Amino acid sequence: MFYREQAAIEGLGPDTLITATPQGSPRAILARTNATVFQHAVKAIRCGQSLGFAGGVNAYGFEKLLDVNHLAQERHDRIRDDLIRTFPSFSHFMEYSKQSGDLEAKRQIEAVLAYGDELETLIPSIHQSAQTDLSKAFIVLATAHRAKGLTLDHVELADDFPELLDAVGAPLQADQLDRQEVNLLYVALTRPRLTLSLNRTTLEFVRKCGASGLLGDSWLVA
């Protein structure tokens, strides 16, 4: 769509359905940012669901959320991350996230505003709860980066990928998109074997392109 690729690609195995994950089925949630992975991990442990992380929980750098929270609480002496330490205040970091379009920073801010000092206990709880054997996890969490090469039965896209439509609802032009971001979305979209549950931005894009026929019954009234 965006880059006028002409090669037709057909996957092996069963036809993947674009539909909601079957109730009660283990699933993988793929996100763009580490901070969104963290927020889904919090939901999982609060629901008593077993969880695992593609690449291991240590690969996601949740400790940076503590640094952003230290910045918000004006505890500069406790900040370890070199970049976060350069900001004189939380408001400066928020302005940076807006001006730069840094998706990770934006989601870090959301997590800090949502959990604050709870992060001090939530992060260790997530580390302790993480299964090393992904086959034992009801929820598998990964970023699109970490999901490369994986094949997963049921995949849900988190709502932190970039917008695909402009302010009036038209598909963005190729030069308005970061090619790397499109590639990462492609990776996420092609991980599932059985079902793919779209996020808001991708669902709106499919509908706007007149491809609603690809959607399963669960999306027709969504």
N, C-alpha and C. Protein backbone atom coordinates (compact mmCIF):
# COMPACT_ATOMS: atom_id res chain seq x y z
N MET A 1 0.83 -1.21 0.00
CA MET A 1 0.00 0.00 0.00
C MET A 1 0.86 1.26 0.00
N PHE A 2 1.76 1.35 0.99
CA PHE A 2 2.54 2.57 1.15
C PHE A 2 3.72 2.65 0.18
N TYR A 3 4.30 1.51 -0.16
CA TYR A 3 5.52 1.53 -0.96
C TYR A 3 5.35 0.79 -2.29
N ARG A 4 4.08 0.53 -2.65
CA ARG A 4 3.74 -0.06 -3.95
C ARG A 4 4.53 -1.34 -4.24
N GLU A 5 4.63 -2.17 -3.21
CA GLU A 5 5.28 -3.46 -3.42
C GLU A 5 4.40 -4.33 -4.32
N GLN A 6 4.98 -5.00 -5.27
CA GLN A 6 4.22 -5.78 -6.24
C GLN A 6 4.25 -7.29 -5.96
N ALA A 7 5.22 -7.73 -5.17
CA ALA A 7 5.35 -9.18 -4.95
C ALA A 7 4.23 -9.68 -4.05
N ALA A 8 3.55 -10.72 -4.50
CA ALA A 8 2.51 -11.36 -3.69
C ALA A 8 3.18 -12.32 -2.71
N ILE A 9 2.78 -12.24 -1.44
CA ILE A 9 3.37 -13.08 -0.40
C ILE A 9 2.29 -13.97 0.18
N GLU A 10 2.57 -15.25 0.23
CA GLU A 10 1.60 -16.21 0.77
C GLU A 10 2.27 -17.01 1.86
N GLY A 11 1.67 -17.02 3.03
CA GLY A 11 2.26 -17.73 4.16
C GLY A 11 1.98 -19.22 4.09
N LEU A 12 2.74 -19.98 4.87
CA LEU A 12 2.53 -21.42 4.98
C LEU A 12 1.53 -21.71 6.09
N GLY A 13 1.00 -22.91 6.10
CA GLY A 13 0.10 -23.30 7.17
C GLY A 13 -1.31 -22.81 6.95
N PRO A 14 -2.12 -22.73 8.03
CA PRO A 14 -3.53 -22.37 7.90
C PRO A 14 -3.71 -20.89 7.52
N ASP A 15 -4.87 -20.58 6.95
CA ASP A 15 -5.19 -19.18 6.68
C ASP A 15 -5.40 -18.46 8.00
N THR A 16 -4.70 -17.35 8.18
CA THR A 16 -4.84 -16.57 9.40
C THR A 16 -6.10 -15.72 9.32
N LEU A 17 -6.93 -15.78 10.36
CA LEU A 17 -8.16 -15.00 10.39
C LEU A 17 -7.93 -13.69 11.13
N ILE A 18 -8.44 -12.61 10.58
CA ILE A 18 -8.41 -11.32 11.28
C ILE A 18 -9.67 -11.24 12.10
N THR A 19 -9.54 -11.53 13.36
CA THR A 19 -10.70 -11.63 14.25
C THR A 19 -10.23 -11.52 15.69
N ALA A 20 -11.16 -11.44 16.62
CA ALA A 20 -10.79 -11.40 18.03
C ALA A 20 -10.21 -12.74 18.46
N THR A 21 -9.30 -12.72 19.42
CA THR A 21 -8.74 -13.96 19.95
C THR A 21 -9.85 -14.80 20.56
N PRO A 22 -9.91 -16.09 20.25
CA PRO A 22 -10.94 -16.95 20.86
C PRO A 22 -10.88 -16.88 22.38
N GLN A 23 -12.05 -16.77 22.99
CA GLN A 23 -12.12 -16.64 24.44
C GLN A 23 -11.43 -17.80 25.13
N GLY A 24 -10.60 -17.46 26.12
CA GLY A 24 -9.91 -18.47 26.89
C GLY A 24 -8.64 -18.99 26.28
N SER A 25 -8.27 -18.49 25.10
CA SER A 25 -7.06 -18.97 24.43
C SER A 25 -5.84 -18.15 24.85
N PRO A 26 -4.70 -18.79 25.07
CA PRO A 26 -3.47 -18.04 25.28
C PRO A 26 -3.21 -17.15 24.08
N ARG A 27 -2.58 -16.01 24.32
CA ARG A 27 -2.32 -15.09 23.21
C ARG A 27 -1.02 -14.34 23.43
N ALA A 28 -0.52 -13.80 22.32
CA ALA A 28 0.65 -12.92 22.37
C ALA A 28 0.18 -11.51 22.09
N ILE A 29 0.70 -10.55 22.84
CA ILE A 29 0.41 -9.14 22.60
C ILE A 29 1.70 -8.49 22.14
N LEU A 30 1.66 -7.94 20.93
CA LEU A 30 2.83 -7.32 20.34
C LEU A 30 2.68 -5.81 20.38
N ALA A 31 3.70 -5.13 20.87
CA ALA A 31 3.66 -3.68 21.04
C ALA A 31 4.82 -3.03 20.29
N ARG A 32 4.72 -1.74 20.13
CA ARG A 32 5.81 -0.98 19.52
C ARG A 32 6.86 -0.60 20.55
N THR A 33 6.43 -0.37 21.79
CA THR A 33 7.33 0.17 22.81
C THR A 33 7.43 -0.73 24.03
N ASN A 34 8.56 -0.63 24.71
CA ASN A 34 8.76 -1.38 25.96
C ASN A 34 7.78 -0.94 27.04
N ALA A 35 7.48 0.36 27.09
CA ALA A 35 6.59 0.87 28.13
C ALA A 35 5.18 0.31 27.98
N THR A 36 4.74 0.10 26.75
CA THR A 36 3.42 -0.51 26.55
C THR A 36 3.45 -1.98 26.92
N VAL A 37 4.54 -2.67 26.64
CA VAL A 37 4.70 -4.04 27.11
C VAL A 37 4.54 -4.08 28.63
N PHE A 38 5.15 -3.12 29.31
CA PHE A 38 5.04 -3.05 30.78
C PHE A 38 3.59 -2.91 31.21
N GLN A 39 2.85 -2.03 30.57
CA GLN A 39 1.46 -1.80 30.99
C GLN A 39 0.62 -3.06 30.80
N HIS A 40 0.87 -3.80 29.74
CA HIS A 40 0.14 -5.06 29.56
C HIS A 40 0.59 -6.11 30.58
N ALA A 41 1.84 -6.06 30.98
CA ALA A 41 2.31 -6.98 32.01
C ALA A 41 1.61 -6.70 33.34
N VAL A 42 1.42 -5.43 33.65
CA VAL A 42 0.70 -5.06 34.88
C VAL A 42 -0.72 -5.63 34.85
N LYS A 43 -1.39 -5.47 33.73
CA LYS A 43 -2.76 -6.00 33.60
C LYS A 43 -2.78 -7.51 33.81
N ALA A 44 -1.77 -8.19 33.24
CA ALA A 44 -1.73 -9.65 33.34
C ALA A 44 -1.57 -10.11 34.79
N ILE A 45 -0.62 -9.52 35.51
CA ILE A 45 -0.40 -9.99 36.88
C ILE A 45 -1.57 -9.61 37.78
N ARG A 46 -2.23 -8.50 37.50
CA ARG A 46 -3.38 -8.11 38.31
C ARG A 46 -4.58 -9.00 38.03
N CYS A 47 -4.61 -9.64 36.85
CA CYS A 47 -5.68 -10.59 36.52
C CYS A 47 -5.29 -12.02 36.88
N GLY A 48 -4.09 -12.20 37.45
CA GLY A 48 -3.64 -13.53 37.81
C GLY A 48 -3.26 -14.39 36.63
N GLN A 49 -2.92 -13.77 35.51
CA GLN A 49 -2.55 -14.53 34.30
C GLN A 49 -1.05 -14.75 34.26
N SER A 50 -0.64 -15.95 33.87
CA SER A 50 0.79 -16.23 33.72
C SER A 50 1.31 -15.50 32.50
N LEU A 51 2.54 -15.00 32.58
CA LEU A 51 3.07 -14.23 31.45
C LEU A 51 4.52 -14.56 31.20
N GLY A 52 4.90 -14.34 29.96
CA GLY A 52 6.29 -14.52 29.57
C GLY A 52 6.66 -13.44 28.57
N PHE A 53 7.96 -13.27 28.37
CA PHE A 53 8.46 -12.21 27.50
C PHE A 53 9.39 -12.80 26.45
N ALA A 54 9.10 -12.52 25.19
CA ALA A 54 10.01 -12.96 24.13
C ALA A 54 11.37 -12.31 24.34
N GLY A 55 12.41 -13.14 24.43
CA GLY A 55 13.74 -12.62 24.70
C GLY A 55 14.05 -12.47 26.17
N GLY A 56 13.08 -12.75 27.04
CA GLY A 56 13.30 -12.64 28.48
C GLY A 56 12.91 -11.27 29.01
N VAL A 57 12.44 -11.22 30.25
CA VAL A 57 11.95 -9.98 30.84
C VAL A 57 13.03 -8.91 30.95
N ASN A 58 14.28 -9.33 31.10
CA ASN A 58 15.37 -8.35 31.26
C ASN A 58 15.64 -7.55 30.00
N ALA A 59 15.11 -8.03 28.85
CA ALA A 59 15.37 -7.35 27.58
C ALA A 59 14.56 -6.07 27.42
N TYR A 60 13.63 -5.79 28.32
CA TYR A 60 12.68 -4.71 28.10
C TYR A 60 12.97 -3.43 28.89
N GLY A 61 13.99 -3.43 29.69
CA GLY A 61 14.45 -2.21 30.33
C GLY A 61 13.41 -1.46 31.14
N PHE A 62 12.59 -2.20 31.90
CA PHE A 62 11.55 -1.54 32.68
C PHE A 62 12.11 -0.56 33.71
N GLU A 63 13.39 -0.73 34.08
CA GLU A 63 13.99 0.15 35.07
C GLU A 63 14.03 1.61 34.60
N LYS A 64 13.97 1.82 33.28
CA LYS A 64 13.94 3.21 32.78
C LYS A 64 12.68 3.93 33.23
N LEU A 65 11.61 3.17 33.46
CA LEU A 65 10.39 3.79 33.98
C LEU A 65 10.63 4.37 35.37
N LEU A 66 11.45 3.69 36.15
CA LEU A 66 11.81 4.23 37.47
C LEU A 66 12.55 5.54 37.32
N ASP A 67 13.44 5.63 36.34
CA ASP A 67 14.18 6.87 36.12
C ASP A 67 13.26 8.01 35.72
N VAL A 68 12.28 7.71 34.85
CA VAL A 68 11.34 8.77 34.46
C VAL A 68 10.51 9.19 35.67
N ASN A 69 10.16 8.23 36.51
CA ASN A 69 9.42 8.59 37.73
C ASN A 69 10.28 9.41 38.68
N HIS A 70 11.55 9.07 38.80
CA HIS A 70 12.45 9.88 39.63
C HIS A 70 12.52 11.31 39.10
N LEU A 71 12.53 11.44 37.77
CA LEU A 71 12.53 12.77 37.16
C LEU A 71 11.26 13.52 37.53
N ALA A 72 10.11 12.83 37.47
CA ALA A 72 8.84 13.45 37.81
C ALA A 72 8.78 13.87 39.28
N GLN A 73 9.46 13.12 40.13
CA GLN A 73 9.45 13.41 41.57
C GLN A 73 10.64 14.27 42.00
N GLU A 74 11.40 14.78 41.01
CA GLU A 74 12.56 15.65 41.25
C GLU A 74 13.61 14.96 42.11
N ARG A 75 13.85 13.68 41.80
CA ARG A 75 14.89 12.90 42.50
C ARG A 75 16.02 12.60 41.52
N HIS A 76 16.67 13.65 41.05
CA HIS A 76 17.70 13.50 40.01
C HIS A 76 18.85 12.59 40.45
N ASP A 77 19.16 12.58 41.73
CA ASP A 77 20.30 11.79 42.21
C ASP A 77 20.08 10.30 42.06
N ARG A 78 18.83 9.87 41.81
CA ARG A 78 18.52 8.45 41.69
C ARG A 78 18.38 8.00 40.24
N ILE A 79 18.52 8.93 39.29
CA ILE A 79 18.37 8.60 37.87
C ILE A 79 19.66 7.97 37.35
N ARG A 80 19.54 6.82 36.71
CA ARG A 80 20.70 6.11 36.19
C ARG A 80 20.88 6.30 34.69
N ASP A 81 19.78 6.44 33.96
CA ASP A 81 19.85 6.54 32.50
C ASP A 81 20.47 7.87 32.09
N ASP A 82 21.47 7.82 31.21
CA ASP A 82 22.20 9.03 30.82
C ASP A 82 21.30 10.05 30.12
N LEU A 83 20.44 9.58 29.22
CA LEU A 83 19.58 10.51 28.49
C LEU A 83 18.56 11.17 29.42
N ILE A 84 17.90 10.38 30.23
CA ILE A 84 16.86 10.92 31.11
C ILE A 84 17.46 11.91 32.10
N ARG A 85 18.70 11.65 32.51
CA ARG A 85 19.36 12.55 33.47
C ARG A 85 19.61 13.93 32.88
N THR A 86 19.66 14.05 31.57
CA THR A 86 19.95 15.35 30.95
C THR A 86 18.77 16.32 31.04
N PHE A 87 17.58 15.82 31.31
CA PHE A 87 16.41 16.72 31.35
C PHE A 87 16.31 17.39 32.72
N PRO A 88 16.16 18.72 32.74
CA PRO A 88 16.09 19.42 34.02
C PRO A 88 14.80 19.17 34.79
N SER A 89 13.74 18.77 34.08
CA SER A 89 12.46 18.55 34.76
C SER A 89 11.59 17.59 33.95
N PHE A 90 10.55 17.09 34.58
CA PHE A 90 9.60 16.20 33.92
C PHE A 90 8.88 16.92 32.80
N SER A 91 8.57 18.19 33.00
CA SER A 91 7.89 18.96 31.95
C SER A 91 8.77 19.09 30.72
N HIS A 92 10.08 19.20 30.89
CA HIS A 92 11.00 19.25 29.75
C HIS A 92 10.99 17.91 29.01
N PHE A 93 10.92 16.83 29.76
CA PHE A 93 10.87 15.51 29.14
C PHE A 93 9.57 15.33 28.35
N MET A 94 8.46 15.83 28.90
CA MET A 94 7.18 15.77 28.20
C MET A 94 7.24 16.58 26.90
N GLU A 95 7.84 17.75 26.95
CA GLU A 95 7.96 18.57 25.77
C GLU A 95 8.83 17.89 24.72
N TYR A 96 9.90 17.25 25.19
CA TYR A 96 10.76 16.49 24.28
C TYR A 96 9.98 15.41 23.56
N SER A 97 9.13 14.68 24.28
CA SER A 97 8.37 13.58 23.67
C SER A 97 7.43 14.11 22.59
N LYS A 98 6.88 15.29 22.80
CA LYS A 98 5.97 15.87 21.81
C LYS A 98 6.73 16.35 20.58
N GLN A 99 7.83 17.04 20.80
CA GLN A 99 8.58 17.64 19.70
C GLN A 99 9.31 16.59 18.86
N SER A 100 9.82 15.58 19.51
CA SER A 100 10.63 14.58 18.81
C SER A 100 9.80 13.45 18.20
N GLY A 101 8.59 13.27 18.70
CA GLY A 101 7.79 12.13 18.26
C GLY A 101 8.32 10.81 18.79
N ASP A 102 9.08 10.85 19.87
CA ASP A 102 9.66 9.65 20.47
C ASP A 102 8.53 8.80 21.08
N LEU A 103 8.19 7.70 20.43
CA LEU A 103 7.09 6.86 20.88
C LEU A 103 7.35 6.25 22.25
N GLU A 104 8.59 5.84 22.48
CA GLU A 104 8.93 5.24 23.77
C GLU A 104 8.76 6.24 24.90
N ALA A 105 9.28 7.45 24.70
CA ALA A 105 9.17 8.49 25.74
C ALA A 105 7.71 8.80 26.04
N LYS A 106 6.89 8.87 25.01
CA LYS A 106 5.46 9.16 25.20
C LYS A 106 4.81 8.09 26.07
N ARG A 107 5.11 6.85 25.81
CA ARG A 107 4.50 5.76 26.58
C ARG A 107 5.11 5.66 27.98
N GLN A 108 6.38 6.01 28.13
CA GLN A 108 6.98 6.05 29.46
C GLN A 108 6.26 7.08 30.33
N ILE A 109 5.96 8.23 29.76
CA ILE A 109 5.24 9.28 30.49
C ILE A 109 3.86 8.78 30.92
N GLU A 110 3.16 8.10 30.01
CA GLU A 110 1.84 7.57 30.34
C GLU A 110 1.92 6.58 31.51
N ALA A 111 2.93 5.72 31.47
CA ALA A 111 3.08 4.73 32.54
C ALA A 111 3.38 5.39 33.87
N VAL A 112 4.23 6.40 33.86
CA VAL A 112 4.58 7.10 35.10
C VAL A 112 3.37 7.83 35.66
N LEU A 113 2.60 8.47 34.80
CA LEU A 113 1.40 9.16 35.27
C LEU A 113 0.37 8.18 35.81
N ALA A 114 0.34 6.97 35.26
CA ALA A 114 -0.63 5.97 35.69
C ALA A 114 -0.25 5.29 36.99
N TYR A 115 1.07 5.03 37.18
CA TYR A 115 1.49 4.19 38.30
C TYR A 115 2.35 4.90 39.34
N GLY A 116 3.08 5.94 38.94
CA GLY A 116 3.89 6.68 39.90
C GLY A 116 4.81 5.79 40.72
N ASP A 117 4.78 5.97 42.03
CA ASP A 117 5.69 5.21 42.90
C ASP A 117 5.32 3.74 43.02
N GLU A 118 4.14 3.35 42.50
CA GLU A 118 3.81 1.92 42.44
C GLU A 118 4.82 1.15 41.60
N LEU A 119 5.50 1.84 40.71
CA LEU A 119 6.50 1.19 39.86
C LEU A 119 7.55 0.47 40.69
N GLU A 120 7.84 0.98 41.87
CA GLU A 120 8.88 0.39 42.73
C GLU A 120 8.54 -1.05 43.11
N THR A 121 7.25 -1.36 43.21
CA THR A 121 6.84 -2.73 43.55
C THR A 121 6.36 -3.51 42.33
N LEU A 122 5.79 -2.81 41.35
CA LEU A 122 5.26 -3.49 40.17
C LEU A 122 6.37 -4.14 39.35
N ILE A 123 7.47 -3.43 39.16
CA ILE A 123 8.55 -3.97 38.32
C ILE A 123 9.14 -5.26 38.92
N PRO A 124 9.48 -5.29 40.21
CA PRO A 124 9.95 -6.57 40.78
C PRO A 124 8.91 -7.68 40.68
N SER A 125 7.62 -7.33 40.85
CA SER A 125 6.57 -8.35 40.76
C SER A 125 6.51 -8.96 39.38
N ILE A 126 6.67 -8.12 38.35
CA ILE A 126 6.65 -8.62 36.98
C ILE A 126 7.84 -9.53 36.73
N HIS A 127 9.01 -9.12 37.21
CA HIS A 127 10.21 -9.95 37.04
C HIS A 127 10.03 -11.32 37.71
N GLN A 128 9.44 -11.32 38.89
CA GLN A 128 9.25 -12.58 39.62
C GLN A 128 8.20 -13.47 38.97
N SER A 129 7.22 -12.83 38.32
CA SER A 129 6.11 -13.60 37.72
C SER A 129 6.44 -14.15 36.35
N ALA A 130 7.45 -13.62 35.69
CA ALA A 130 7.73 -13.96 34.29
C ALA A 130 8.15 -15.42 34.14
N GLN A 131 7.48 -16.14 33.26
CA GLN A 131 7.84 -17.51 32.94
C GLN A 131 9.01 -17.52 31.96
N THR A 132 9.96 -18.38 32.18
CA THR A 132 11.06 -18.50 31.22
C THR A 132 10.68 -19.41 30.06
N ASP A 133 9.74 -20.32 30.29
CA ASP A 133 9.22 -21.19 29.24
C ASP A 133 7.94 -20.55 28.70
N LEU A 134 8.02 -20.00 27.49
CA LEU A 134 6.87 -19.28 26.94
C LEU A 134 5.66 -20.17 26.73
N SER A 135 5.86 -21.47 26.59
CA SER A 135 4.72 -22.38 26.40
C SER A 135 3.84 -22.46 27.64
N LYS A 136 4.36 -22.03 28.79
CA LYS A 136 3.61 -22.05 30.04
C LYS A 136 2.91 -20.73 30.34
N ALA A 137 3.07 -19.75 29.46
CA ALA A 137 2.51 -18.42 29.68
C ALA A 137 1.18 -18.27 28.96
N PHE A 138 0.18 -17.74 29.66
CA PHE A 138 -1.10 -17.44 29.03
C PHE A 138 -0.97 -16.19 28.17
N ILE A 139 -0.18 -15.24 28.64
CA ILE A 139 0.10 -14.01 27.90
C ILE A 139 1.58 -13.96 27.56
N VAL A 140 1.90 -13.92 26.28
CA VAL A 140 3.28 -13.70 25.84
C VAL A 140 3.38 -12.25 25.36
N LEU A 141 4.35 -11.54 25.88
CA LEU A 141 4.52 -10.13 25.54
C LEU A 141 5.81 -9.93 24.77
N ALA A 142 5.75 -9.03 23.79
CA ALA A 142 6.94 -8.74 22.99
C ALA A 142 6.75 -7.42 22.27
N THR A 143 7.85 -6.76 21.98
CA THR A 143 7.80 -5.66 21.02
C THR A 143 7.91 -6.26 19.62
N ALA A 144 7.58 -5.45 18.62
CA ALA A 144 7.73 -5.92 17.24
C ALA A 144 9.18 -6.29 16.97
N HIS A 145 10.13 -5.52 17.54
CA HIS A 145 11.55 -5.84 17.38
C HIS A 145 11.84 -7.26 17.87
N ARG A 146 11.35 -7.57 19.07
CA ARG A 146 11.65 -8.86 19.69
C ARG A 146 10.87 -10.00 19.06
N ALA A 147 9.81 -9.68 18.33
CA ALA A 147 8.97 -10.73 17.75
C ALA A 147 9.51 -11.24 16.42
N LYS A 148 10.53 -10.60 15.88
CA LYS A 148 11.07 -11.04 14.58
C LYS A 148 11.47 -12.51 14.65
N GLY A 149 10.99 -13.27 13.68
CA GLY A 149 11.32 -14.69 13.62
C GLY A 149 10.39 -15.60 14.38
N LEU A 150 9.51 -15.04 15.22
CA LEU A 150 8.60 -15.87 16.00
C LEU A 150 7.36 -16.22 15.19
N THR A 151 6.78 -17.39 15.49
CA THR A 151 5.49 -17.79 14.96
C THR A 151 4.58 -18.06 16.15
N LEU A 152 3.44 -17.38 16.19
CA LEU A 152 2.56 -17.41 17.35
C LEU A 152 1.13 -17.71 16.91
N ASP A 153 0.40 -18.49 17.69
CA ASP A 153 -0.95 -18.87 17.27
C ASP A 153 -1.91 -17.69 17.23
N HIS A 154 -2.03 -16.99 18.34
CA HIS A 154 -3.00 -15.89 18.44
C HIS A 154 -2.25 -14.61 18.81
N VAL A 155 -2.38 -13.60 17.98
CA VAL A 155 -1.64 -12.35 18.18
C VAL A 155 -2.61 -11.18 18.27
N GLU A 156 -2.37 -10.31 19.26
CA GLU A 156 -3.11 -9.06 19.39
C GLU A 156 -2.12 -7.90 19.27
N LEU A 157 -2.49 -6.88 18.52
CA LEU A 157 -1.64 -5.70 18.38
C LEU A 157 -1.98 -4.69 19.45
N ALA A 158 -0.98 -4.22 20.16
CA ALA A 158 -1.18 -3.14 21.13
C ALA A 158 -1.42 -1.83 20.39
N ASP A 159 -2.00 -0.88 21.11
CA ASP A 159 -2.39 0.39 20.48
C ASP A 159 -1.31 1.45 20.59
N ASP A 160 -0.06 1.10 20.31
CA ASP A 160 0.99 2.11 20.40
C ASP A 160 1.81 2.22 19.12
N PHE A 161 1.30 1.66 18.03
CA PHE A 161 1.97 1.83 16.74
C PHE A 161 1.56 3.17 16.15
N PRO A 162 2.37 3.75 15.26
CA PRO A 162 2.05 5.06 14.69
C PRO A 162 0.75 5.06 13.90
N GLU A 163 0.15 6.25 13.80
CA GLU A 163 -1.07 6.42 13.02
C GLU A 163 -0.79 6.14 11.54
N LEU A 164 -1.78 5.59 10.85
CA LEU A 164 -1.68 5.31 9.42
C LEU A 164 -2.57 6.23 8.59
N LEU A 165 -3.47 6.95 9.26
CA LEU A 165 -4.37 7.89 8.60
C LEU A 165 -4.08 9.31 9.06
N ASP A 166 -4.37 10.28 8.20
CA ASP A 166 -4.15 11.67 8.58
C ASP A 166 -5.35 12.21 9.36
N ALA A 167 -5.35 13.51 9.64
CA ALA A 167 -6.38 14.11 10.49
C ALA A 167 -7.78 14.02 9.89
N VAL A 168 -7.89 13.90 8.57
CA VAL A 168 -9.20 13.80 7.94
C VAL A 168 -9.55 12.36 7.58
N GLY A 169 -8.72 11.41 8.02
CA GLY A 169 -9.02 10.00 7.82
C GLY A 169 -8.54 9.40 6.52
N ALA A 170 -7.66 10.09 5.82
CA ALA A 170 -7.10 9.55 4.57
C ALA A 170 -5.78 8.85 4.86
N PRO A 171 -5.46 7.77 4.14
CA PRO A 171 -4.17 7.09 4.35
C PRO A 171 -3.01 8.06 4.13
N LEU A 172 -2.03 7.99 5.00
CA LEU A 172 -0.84 8.82 4.86
C LEU A 172 -0.08 8.45 3.60
N GLN A 173 0.67 9.40 3.08
CA GLN A 173 1.54 9.14 1.94
C GLN A 173 2.83 8.49 2.42
N ALA A 174 3.49 7.79 1.53
CA ALA A 174 4.71 7.07 1.91
C ALA A 174 5.75 7.99 2.52
N ASP A 175 5.86 9.22 2.00
CA ASP A 175 6.88 10.14 2.53
C ASP A 175 6.49 10.75 3.86
N GLN A 176 5.29 10.45 4.35
CA GLN A 176 4.86 10.91 5.66
C GLN A 176 5.10 9.86 6.74
N LEU A 177 5.61 8.73 6.34
CA LEU A 177 5.82 7.62 7.26
C LEU A 177 7.30 7.26 7.34
N ASP A 178 7.70 6.81 8.50
CA ASP A 178 9.05 6.29 8.69
C ASP A 178 9.06 4.85 8.17
N ARG A 179 9.92 4.56 7.20
CA ARG A 179 9.95 3.21 6.61
C ARG A 179 10.19 2.15 7.68
N GLN A 180 11.02 2.45 8.66
CA GLN A 180 11.28 1.48 9.72
C GLN A 180 10.00 1.16 10.50
N GLU A 181 9.16 2.18 10.73
CA GLU A 181 7.92 1.94 11.46
C GLU A 181 6.98 1.06 10.66
N VAL A 182 6.91 1.28 9.36
CA VAL A 182 6.07 0.43 8.51
C VAL A 182 6.58 -1.00 8.52
N ASN A 183 7.90 -1.15 8.47
CA ASN A 183 8.49 -2.49 8.50
C ASN A 183 8.19 -3.21 9.81
N LEU A 184 8.24 -2.47 10.92
CA LEU A 184 7.96 -3.08 12.22
C LEU A 184 6.49 -3.50 12.31
N LEU A 185 5.61 -2.68 11.78
CA LEU A 185 4.19 -3.06 11.77
C LEU A 185 4.00 -4.31 10.93
N TYR A 186 4.70 -4.39 9.80
CA TYR A 186 4.63 -5.57 8.94
C TYR A 186 5.08 -6.82 9.72
N VAL A 187 6.16 -6.69 10.46
CA VAL A 187 6.64 -7.82 11.27
C VAL A 187 5.54 -8.28 12.23
N ALA A 188 4.92 -7.33 12.93
CA ALA A 188 3.89 -7.68 13.90
C ALA A 188 2.69 -8.35 13.22
N LEU A 189 2.29 -7.83 12.07
CA LEU A 189 1.11 -8.34 11.37
C LEU A 189 1.32 -9.76 10.82
N THR A 190 2.57 -10.14 10.63
CA THR A 190 2.84 -11.43 10.00
C THR A 190 3.33 -12.50 10.99
N ARG A 191 3.18 -12.26 12.29
CA ARG A 191 3.59 -13.27 13.27
C ARG A 191 2.54 -14.35 13.52
N PRO A 192 1.23 -14.07 13.42
CA PRO A 192 0.25 -15.08 13.84
C PRO A 192 0.04 -16.21 12.85
N ARG A 193 -0.31 -17.38 13.38
CA ARG A 193 -0.69 -18.53 12.57
C ARG A 193 -2.20 -18.63 12.43
N LEU A 194 -2.94 -18.43 13.53
CA LEU A 194 -4.37 -18.71 13.53
C LEU A 194 -5.23 -17.44 13.51
N THR A 195 -5.00 -16.52 14.46
CA THR A 195 -5.82 -15.31 14.49
C THR A 195 -4.95 -14.08 14.74
N LEU A 196 -5.39 -12.98 14.15
CA LEU A 196 -4.76 -11.67 14.34
C LEU A 196 -5.85 -10.70 14.80
N SER A 197 -5.64 -10.11 15.97
CA SER A 197 -6.57 -9.11 16.50
C SER A 197 -5.94 -7.74 16.29
N LEU A 198 -6.57 -6.93 15.43
CA LEU A 198 -6.00 -5.64 15.06
C LEU A 198 -6.16 -4.61 16.16
N ASN A 199 -5.26 -3.62 16.14
CA ASN A 199 -5.44 -2.47 17.02
C ASN A 199 -6.29 -1.42 16.29
N ARG A 200 -6.57 -0.33 16.99
CA ARG A 200 -7.46 0.70 16.41
C ARG A 200 -6.92 1.27 15.11
N THR A 201 -5.63 1.64 15.10
CA THR A 201 -5.08 2.33 13.94
C THR A 201 -5.10 1.43 12.70
N THR A 202 -4.77 0.17 12.87
CA THR A 202 -4.72 -0.74 11.73
C THR A 202 -6.12 -1.11 11.27
N LEU A 203 -7.04 -1.28 12.21
CA LEU A 203 -8.43 -1.57 11.85
C LEU A 203 -9.02 -0.42 11.03
N GLU A 204 -8.80 0.83 11.47
CA GLU A 204 -9.29 1.98 10.73
C GLU A 204 -8.68 2.04 9.33
N PHE A 205 -7.41 1.69 9.23
CA PHE A 205 -6.72 1.71 7.95
C PHE A 205 -7.33 0.69 6.99
N VAL A 206 -7.56 -0.52 7.47
CA VAL A 206 -8.14 -1.57 6.63
C VAL A 206 -9.51 -1.14 6.12
N ARG A 207 -10.32 -0.57 6.99
CA ARG A 207 -11.66 -0.13 6.58
C ARG A 207 -11.57 1.02 5.58
N LYS A 208 -10.67 1.96 5.82
CA LYS A 208 -10.57 3.11 4.93
C LYS A 208 -10.10 2.70 3.54
N CYS A 209 -9.32 1.65 3.46
CA CYS A 209 -8.82 1.17 2.17
C CYS A 209 -9.84 0.31 1.43
N GLY A 210 -11.02 0.14 2.03
CA GLY A 210 -12.05 -0.65 1.38
C GLY A 210 -11.79 -2.14 1.44
N ALA A 211 -11.04 -2.58 2.45
CA ALA A 211 -10.70 -4.00 2.57
C ALA A 211 -11.41 -4.67 3.73
N SER A 212 -12.60 -4.18 4.09
CA SER A 212 -13.33 -4.75 5.24
C SER A 212 -13.68 -6.22 5.04
N GLY A 213 -13.67 -6.67 3.77
CA GLY A 213 -13.95 -8.07 3.50
C GLY A 213 -12.94 -9.01 4.12
N LEU A 214 -11.76 -8.48 4.49
CA LEU A 214 -10.73 -9.30 5.14
C LEU A 214 -11.04 -9.56 6.61
N LEU A 215 -11.97 -8.77 7.17
CA LEU A 215 -12.21 -8.82 8.60
C LEU A 215 -13.20 -9.92 8.96
N GLY A 216 -12.94 -10.60 10.06
CA GLY A 216 -13.85 -11.61 10.55
C GLY A 216 -15.11 -10.98 11.13
N ASP A 217 -16.09 -11.82 11.44
CA ASP A 217 -17.39 -11.35 11.93
C ASP A 217 -17.27 -10.48 13.17
N SER A 218 -16.29 -10.76 14.03
CA SER A 218 -16.18 -10.03 15.30
C SER A 218 -15.83 -8.57 15.09
N TRP A 219 -15.28 -8.21 13.89
CA TRP A 219 -14.89 -6.83 13.63
C TRP A 219 -15.95 -6.06 12.86
N LEU A 220 -16.95 -6.72 12.35
CA LEU A 220 -17.89 -6.05 11.45
C LEU A 220 -18.74 -5.01 12.16
N VAL A 221 -18.94 -5.18 13.47
CA VAL A 221 -19.74 -4.22 14.22
C VAL A 221 -18.88 -3.45 15.21
N ALA A 222 -17.58 -3.64 15.17
CA ALA A 222 -16.69 -2.99 16.14
C ALA A 222 -16.60 -1.50 15.83
